[in-house]
Amino acid sequence: MKSSEEIRELYDTQLKPVLESLEGQRVVLKRRMILIIVVFVSVFILFFIADSDPDLNFLFFLIPVGLILFGFLIYKMIKPYKAYKDEFKEKVVREIINLINPDWNYDPEGFISREEYHASKLFTKGVARYKGDDLVDGIIDKTDFRLSELHSEYKTESTDSKGRKRTSYHTIFKGLFGHAEFNKEIAGETLVLPDTAERMLGSLGTKLQKMSGRGKLIKMENVEFEKLFVVYGSDQIESRYVLTPTMMEAMMSIVEKYNKYVYFSFIGSRVYFAISFTKDLFEPRLFGSGIRFNDVEEMNEQFRIIQTIINELNLNTRIWTKE
């Protein structure tokens, strides 16, 4: 793993000049975004005033003009923002990845496929919208991996008091999603999920876990592990074979290190993992200075998550049938 000194050197010699060159674009885009927000709020206020006072219906003539202006500003924002974002990804994000490991492959617009996502069996809710970016794949010692940012959503439909249909989208998962070669051959499936039910509902949560339909509920002997995770598996013996004391300690260490909800599944020859983040990752700033070493350091840490998982779970140690 690269040291903080190496990241600082990369920032000072290569990334800071690039970020400074992008700062002019960022400022222009920020001003445009502020104007878009002002126009949107103004249209909303005009609509509210006109709707509440019949004598001011003439305002309804101004609303379409405001909406047209709003749409035009959005349209004019798309192309320059994409250019700004693309340059940031190529000249900043790619350089961070090259520093970590120049042999890794990076595709700014690529992401983990739906097939890979569903193969993990981590999230069973039907997906209505699915997107991602920043796909990285490569090999760490003996272990191949794929990793990207993902956002999956499900859809709900409702009807309001006036009979109008409303469609809403809700997040299933947002964050980093990936998978790597597992160092043991297994026939069944083992899921290790955040134990939110028992933490929130106690014994009632335990009963709900048993009714989840995710498989057999498997109780582990590590009390601290049980506080963080709930385990489901197709075979009790195999799940315990997979989740050795060392493996459980490693999973707890990952949760402690990143302080996020972390999901794991062991299926076939792969270990799948997902780490929740509420914000978009590896994106350029729009509001606030884009010339910040802390942002670069944070991106480096996020990409190094895959190294942490492979090293903590000891995936490079081949067991029995793995060489």
Foldseek 3Di string as FASTA:
>chain_A
DDDPVVLVVCLVPFVLVLLVVLQVLLQVLLVLVVVLVVLVVVLVVLVVVCVVDVVSVVSVVVNVVSVVVSVVSVVVNPVSQVVSFVSLCVRAVLVLVCVVPVQKDWWFQDDDDPVNVVVQVQFDDDFDDKGWGTWIWDDDQHKTKIKTWIWTWDWDWDADPVRDIDIDIDTPATAMKMKMFAQDFDAKKKKKFFQPQCLVPNPVSVVVVCVVPSAHWADDPPPVLVNTITMHIPDRVVNCVLCDVLQSVLVVVLCVVPVFTKIWMDHGRMIIIGTGDPDDASGADNPDRRSDSVNSVVNSVSVCSVVSNCVSNVRSDHPDVGD
